[in-house]
Amino acid sequence: MANDDTDRRSTDEMSLDELRTEIESIDREIVELIAQRTYVAESVARVKREQDIPTTDEGQEQAVMDRAGENAERFGVDANLVKAIFRLLIELNKVEQRESR
């Protein structure tokens, strides 16, 4: 999240260094969220393994992609970019699930 100084000023009022610091903070948050998602995905993999459920669930993958597109539109971000990122996350999780079996 933005710090208090950033909240009070628009990005138009920030210096280049301040903007880069803000991006650095956002990047850390993105990585933290990817780490959280990966941890939960590992738990999903464990449950699938224990219950002998297949690694691939096309319906669930489509639901994730649909949500990604909806969220992209909600926040005014390119849906193709967001979906590409989520496709990569899904594929990485599937590889990890297969390797853990």
N, C-alpha and C. Protein backbone atom coordinates (compact mmCIF):
# COMPACT_ATOMS: atom_id res chain seq x y z
N MET A 1 0.84 -1.18 0.00
CA MET A 1 0.00 0.00 0.00
C MET A 1 0.88 1.23 0.00
N ALA A 2 0.31 2.32 -0.45
CA ALA A 2 1.05 3.57 -0.50
C ALA A 2 1.27 4.08 0.92
N ASN A 3 2.41 4.76 1.10
CA ASN A 3 2.66 5.32 2.42
C ASN A 3 1.86 6.59 2.59
N ASP A 4 1.85 7.16 3.80
CA ASP A 4 1.01 8.32 4.08
C ASP A 4 1.37 9.51 3.21
N ASP A 5 2.67 9.73 2.95
CA ASP A 5 3.07 10.86 2.11
C ASP A 5 2.50 10.71 0.71
N THR A 6 2.53 9.51 0.18
CA THR A 6 2.04 9.25 -1.16
C THR A 6 0.52 9.43 -1.20
N ASP A 7 -0.16 9.01 -0.15
CA ASP A 7 -1.61 9.12 -0.11
C ASP A 7 -2.05 10.58 -0.19
N ARG A 8 -1.29 11.48 0.39
CA ARG A 8 -1.67 12.88 0.46
C ARG A 8 -1.36 13.65 -0.81
N ARG A 9 -0.44 13.13 -1.62
CA ARG A 9 -0.03 13.85 -2.82
C ARG A 9 -0.32 13.00 -4.04
N SER A 10 -0.68 13.65 -5.10
CA SER A 10 -0.87 12.90 -6.34
C SER A 10 0.49 12.55 -6.91
N THR A 11 0.50 11.57 -7.80
CA THR A 11 1.78 11.18 -8.42
C THR A 11 2.36 12.33 -9.23
N ASP A 12 1.52 13.27 -9.68
CA ASP A 12 2.02 14.43 -10.43
C ASP A 12 2.91 15.32 -9.57
N GLU A 13 2.73 15.26 -8.26
CA GLU A 13 3.50 16.10 -7.35
C GLU A 13 4.76 15.42 -6.83
N MET A 14 4.97 14.17 -7.20
CA MET A 14 6.10 13.40 -6.67
C MET A 14 7.31 13.52 -7.58
N SER A 15 8.48 13.48 -6.97
CA SER A 15 9.71 13.50 -7.75
C SER A 15 9.95 12.12 -8.35
N LEU A 16 10.87 12.03 -9.29
CA LEU A 16 11.20 10.76 -9.92
C LEU A 16 11.67 9.75 -8.87
N ASP A 17 12.51 10.19 -7.94
CA ASP A 17 12.98 9.28 -6.89
C ASP A 17 11.83 8.78 -6.03
N GLU A 18 10.90 9.66 -5.70
CA GLU A 18 9.75 9.25 -4.90
C GLU A 18 8.87 8.24 -5.67
N LEU A 19 8.70 8.51 -6.94
CA LEU A 19 7.91 7.58 -7.76
C LEU A 19 8.58 6.22 -7.84
N ARG A 20 9.90 6.22 -8.00
CA ARG A 20 10.63 4.94 -8.05
C ARG A 20 10.56 4.22 -6.72
N THR A 21 10.59 4.96 -5.63
CA THR A 21 10.46 4.34 -4.31
C THR A 21 9.07 3.72 -4.16
N GLU A 22 8.06 4.40 -4.68
CA GLU A 22 6.69 3.87 -4.64
C GLU A 22 6.59 2.58 -5.45
N ILE A 23 7.19 2.57 -6.64
CA ILE A 23 7.19 1.36 -7.46
C ILE A 23 7.92 0.22 -6.75
N GLU A 24 9.02 0.54 -6.10
CA GLU A 24 9.77 -0.47 -5.34
C GLU A 24 8.89 -1.09 -4.26
N SER A 25 8.13 -0.27 -3.58
CA SER A 25 7.22 -0.76 -2.54
C SER A 25 6.13 -1.65 -3.14
N ILE A 26 5.56 -1.22 -4.25
CA ILE A 26 4.53 -2.01 -4.92
C ILE A 26 5.10 -3.34 -5.39
N ASP A 27 6.32 -3.32 -5.93
CA ASP A 27 6.96 -4.56 -6.39
C ASP A 27 7.13 -5.54 -5.24
N ARG A 28 7.51 -5.04 -4.07
CA ARG A 28 7.63 -5.92 -2.89
C ARG A 28 6.29 -6.54 -2.55
N GLU A 29 5.24 -5.74 -2.62
CA GLU A 29 3.89 -6.25 -2.33
C GLU A 29 3.48 -7.32 -3.34
N ILE A 30 3.80 -7.10 -4.61
CA ILE A 30 3.47 -8.09 -5.64
C ILE A 30 4.17 -9.41 -5.34
N VAL A 31 5.45 -9.33 -5.01
CA VAL A 31 6.22 -10.56 -4.70
C VAL A 31 5.65 -11.23 -3.46
N GLU A 32 5.27 -10.44 -2.46
CA GLU A 32 4.68 -11.01 -1.25
C GLU A 32 3.38 -11.74 -1.58
N LEU A 33 2.56 -11.16 -2.44
CA LEU A 33 1.30 -11.80 -2.83
C LEU A 33 1.55 -13.06 -3.64
N ILE A 34 2.55 -13.04 -4.50
CA ILE A 34 2.90 -14.26 -5.26
C ILE A 34 3.35 -15.35 -4.29
N ALA A 35 4.13 -14.98 -3.29
CA ALA A 35 4.58 -15.96 -2.29
C ALA A 35 3.38 -16.54 -1.53
N GLN A 36 2.43 -15.68 -1.15
CA GLN A 36 1.23 -16.16 -0.46
C GLN A 36 0.43 -17.10 -1.34
N ARG A 37 0.28 -16.73 -2.61
CA ARG A 37 -0.48 -17.56 -3.55
C ARG A 37 0.21 -18.91 -3.75
N THR A 38 1.53 -18.88 -3.84
CA THR A 38 2.30 -20.11 -4.02
C THR A 38 2.13 -21.03 -2.81
N TYR A 39 2.16 -20.45 -1.61
CA TYR A 39 1.97 -21.24 -0.39
C TYR A 39 0.61 -21.94 -0.41
N VAL A 40 -0.44 -21.19 -0.76
CA VAL A 40 -1.78 -21.79 -0.80
C VAL A 40 -1.85 -22.84 -1.90
N ALA A 41 -1.23 -22.56 -3.04
CA ALA A 41 -1.22 -23.53 -4.14
C ALA A 41 -0.52 -24.82 -3.73
N GLU A 42 0.52 -24.71 -2.92
CA GLU A 42 1.19 -25.91 -2.41
C GLU A 42 0.26 -26.71 -1.52
N SER A 43 -0.57 -26.02 -0.75
CA SER A 43 -1.56 -26.70 0.09
C SER A 43 -2.60 -27.40 -0.78
N VAL A 44 -3.01 -26.73 -1.87
CA VAL A 44 -3.95 -27.34 -2.81
C VAL A 44 -3.33 -28.61 -3.39
N ALA A 45 -2.06 -28.53 -3.77
CA ALA A 45 -1.37 -29.69 -4.33
C ALA A 45 -1.35 -30.85 -3.34
N ARG A 46 -1.11 -30.54 -2.07
CA ARG A 46 -1.07 -31.57 -1.04
C ARG A 46 -2.43 -32.25 -0.91
N VAL A 47 -3.50 -31.45 -0.89
CA VAL A 47 -4.85 -32.01 -0.78
C VAL A 47 -5.17 -32.86 -2.01
N LYS A 48 -4.82 -32.38 -3.19
CA LYS A 48 -5.06 -33.16 -4.41
C LYS A 48 -4.32 -34.49 -4.36
N ARG A 49 -3.08 -34.45 -3.88
CA ARG A 49 -2.28 -35.67 -3.79
C ARG A 49 -2.92 -36.63 -2.80
N GLU A 50 -3.30 -36.13 -1.62
CA GLU A 50 -3.90 -36.97 -0.58
C GLU A 50 -5.22 -37.58 -1.03
N GLN A 51 -5.99 -36.83 -1.82
CA GLN A 51 -7.30 -37.29 -2.26
C GLN A 51 -7.27 -37.89 -3.66
N ASP A 52 -6.06 -38.04 -4.20
CA ASP A 52 -5.86 -38.61 -5.53
C ASP A 52 -6.72 -37.89 -6.60
N ILE A 53 -6.65 -36.56 -6.54
CA ILE A 53 -7.36 -35.71 -7.51
C ILE A 53 -6.35 -35.31 -8.58
N PRO A 54 -6.75 -35.31 -9.85
CA PRO A 54 -5.82 -34.93 -10.91
C PRO A 54 -5.26 -33.52 -10.73
N THR A 55 -4.05 -33.33 -11.21
CA THR A 55 -3.37 -32.04 -11.10
C THR A 55 -4.14 -30.97 -11.86
N THR A 56 -4.57 -31.28 -13.07
CA THR A 56 -5.24 -30.30 -13.93
C THR A 56 -6.74 -30.31 -13.69
N ASP A 57 -7.28 -29.10 -13.48
CA ASP A 57 -8.72 -28.91 -13.35
C ASP A 57 -9.08 -27.74 -14.27
N GLU A 58 -9.45 -28.09 -15.50
CA GLU A 58 -9.69 -27.06 -16.52
C GLU A 58 -10.79 -26.08 -16.12
N GLY A 59 -11.80 -26.56 -15.44
CA GLY A 59 -12.88 -25.68 -14.99
C GLY A 59 -12.38 -24.64 -14.00
N GLN A 60 -11.56 -25.09 -13.07
CA GLN A 60 -10.99 -24.16 -12.08
C GLN A 60 -10.04 -23.18 -12.75
N GLU A 61 -9.23 -23.67 -13.67
CA GLU A 61 -8.32 -22.79 -14.38
C GLU A 61 -9.08 -21.71 -15.14
N GLN A 62 -10.17 -22.10 -15.79
CA GLN A 62 -10.98 -21.12 -16.52
C GLN A 62 -11.60 -20.11 -15.57
N ALA A 63 -12.04 -20.57 -14.40
CA ALA A 63 -12.61 -19.65 -13.41
C ALA A 63 -11.56 -18.63 -12.95
N VAL A 64 -10.33 -19.09 -12.75
CA VAL A 64 -9.23 -18.19 -12.36
C VAL A 64 -8.99 -17.16 -13.46
N MET A 65 -8.96 -17.63 -14.71
CA MET A 65 -8.71 -16.73 -15.83
C MET A 65 -9.86 -15.72 -15.99
N ASP A 66 -11.07 -16.18 -15.80
CA ASP A 66 -12.23 -15.28 -15.89
C ASP A 66 -12.15 -14.20 -14.81
N ARG A 67 -11.83 -14.61 -13.58
CA ARG A 67 -11.67 -13.64 -12.49
C ARG A 67 -10.55 -12.65 -12.79
N ALA A 68 -9.45 -13.17 -13.33
CA ALA A 68 -8.32 -12.30 -13.66
C ALA A 68 -8.75 -11.23 -14.67
N GLY A 69 -9.49 -11.64 -15.68
CA GLY A 69 -9.97 -10.69 -16.68
C GLY A 69 -10.93 -9.67 -16.08
N GLU A 70 -11.83 -10.14 -15.23
CA GLU A 70 -12.78 -9.23 -14.58
C GLU A 70 -12.06 -8.23 -13.69
N ASN A 71 -11.09 -8.71 -12.92
CA ASN A 71 -10.33 -7.81 -12.05
C ASN A 71 -9.50 -6.82 -12.85
N ALA A 72 -8.96 -7.26 -13.97
CA ALA A 72 -8.20 -6.35 -14.83
C ALA A 72 -9.10 -5.22 -15.30
N GLU A 73 -10.29 -5.56 -15.77
CA GLU A 73 -11.22 -4.54 -16.23
C GLU A 73 -11.63 -3.61 -15.09
N ARG A 74 -11.86 -4.19 -13.93
CA ARG A 74 -12.26 -3.40 -12.76
C ARG A 74 -11.23 -2.33 -12.41
N PHE A 75 -9.94 -2.69 -12.57
CA PHE A 75 -8.87 -1.76 -12.20
C PHE A 75 -8.26 -1.04 -13.40
N GLY A 76 -8.85 -1.22 -14.58
CA GLY A 76 -8.38 -0.52 -15.77
C GLY A 76 -7.01 -0.96 -16.24
N VAL A 77 -6.74 -2.26 -16.10
CA VAL A 77 -5.45 -2.82 -16.51
C VAL A 77 -5.70 -3.71 -17.73
N ASP A 78 -4.72 -3.81 -18.61
CA ASP A 78 -4.84 -4.63 -19.81
C ASP A 78 -5.15 -6.08 -19.42
N ALA A 79 -6.31 -6.57 -19.83
CA ALA A 79 -6.75 -7.92 -19.47
C ALA A 79 -5.81 -8.99 -20.04
N ASN A 80 -5.28 -8.76 -21.24
CA ASN A 80 -4.38 -9.75 -21.82
C ASN A 80 -3.10 -9.89 -21.00
N LEU A 81 -2.59 -8.78 -20.50
CA LEU A 81 -1.40 -8.82 -19.66
C LEU A 81 -1.68 -9.58 -18.36
N VAL A 82 -2.78 -9.24 -17.72
CA VAL A 82 -3.13 -9.89 -16.46
C VAL A 82 -3.35 -11.38 -16.67
N LYS A 83 -4.06 -11.75 -17.72
CA LYS A 83 -4.30 -13.16 -17.99
C LYS A 83 -3.01 -13.90 -18.30
N ALA A 84 -2.08 -13.25 -18.97
CA ALA A 84 -0.78 -13.89 -19.26
C ALA A 84 -0.03 -14.16 -17.95
N ILE A 85 -0.09 -13.23 -17.03
CA ILE A 85 0.57 -13.43 -15.74
C ILE A 85 -0.07 -14.59 -14.99
N PHE A 86 -1.39 -14.62 -14.98
CA PHE A 86 -2.08 -15.70 -14.27
C PHE A 86 -1.86 -17.05 -14.95
N ARG A 87 -1.80 -17.06 -16.28
CA ARG A 87 -1.52 -18.31 -16.99
C ARG A 87 -0.16 -18.84 -16.55
N LEU A 88 0.82 -17.95 -16.45
CA LEU A 88 2.15 -18.34 -15.99
C LEU A 88 2.11 -18.89 -14.56
N LEU A 89 1.41 -18.21 -13.68
CA LEU A 89 1.29 -18.69 -12.30
C LEU A 89 0.63 -20.07 -12.24
N ILE A 90 -0.42 -20.26 -13.03
CA ILE A 90 -1.11 -21.55 -13.06
C ILE A 90 -0.17 -22.64 -13.57
N GLU A 91 0.53 -22.36 -14.66
CA GLU A 91 1.43 -23.37 -15.23
C GLU A 91 2.55 -23.72 -14.25
N LEU A 92 3.10 -22.73 -13.59
CA LEU A 92 4.15 -23.01 -12.60
C LEU A 92 3.62 -23.87 -11.46
N ASN A 93 2.40 -23.57 -11.00
CA ASN A 93 1.80 -24.37 -9.94
C ASN A 93 1.57 -25.80 -10.39
N LYS A 94 1.13 -25.98 -11.63
CA LYS A 94 0.90 -27.34 -12.16
C LYS A 94 2.21 -28.12 -12.24
N VAL A 95 3.28 -27.47 -12.66
CA VAL A 95 4.59 -28.14 -12.73
C VAL A 95 4.99 -28.58 -11.33
N GLU A 96 4.85 -27.69 -10.35
CA GLU A 96 5.19 -28.03 -8.97
C GLU A 96 4.33 -29.18 -8.45
N GLN A 97 3.04 -29.16 -8.81
CA GLN A 97 2.16 -30.25 -8.37
C GLN A 97 2.57 -31.58 -8.96
N ARG A 98 2.93 -31.56 -10.23
CA ARG A 98 3.35 -32.82 -10.88
C ARG A 98 4.65 -33.33 -10.27
N GLU A 99 5.57 -32.42 -9.99
CA GLU A 99 6.86 -32.83 -9.43
C GLU A 99 6.73 -33.36 -8.00
N SER A 100 5.69 -32.92 -7.29
CA SER A 100 5.53 -33.35 -5.90
C SER A 100 4.79 -34.69 -5.79
N ARG A 101 4.33 -35.23 -6.91
CA ARG A 101 3.59 -36.50 -6.87
C ARG A 101 4.56 -37.67 -6.92
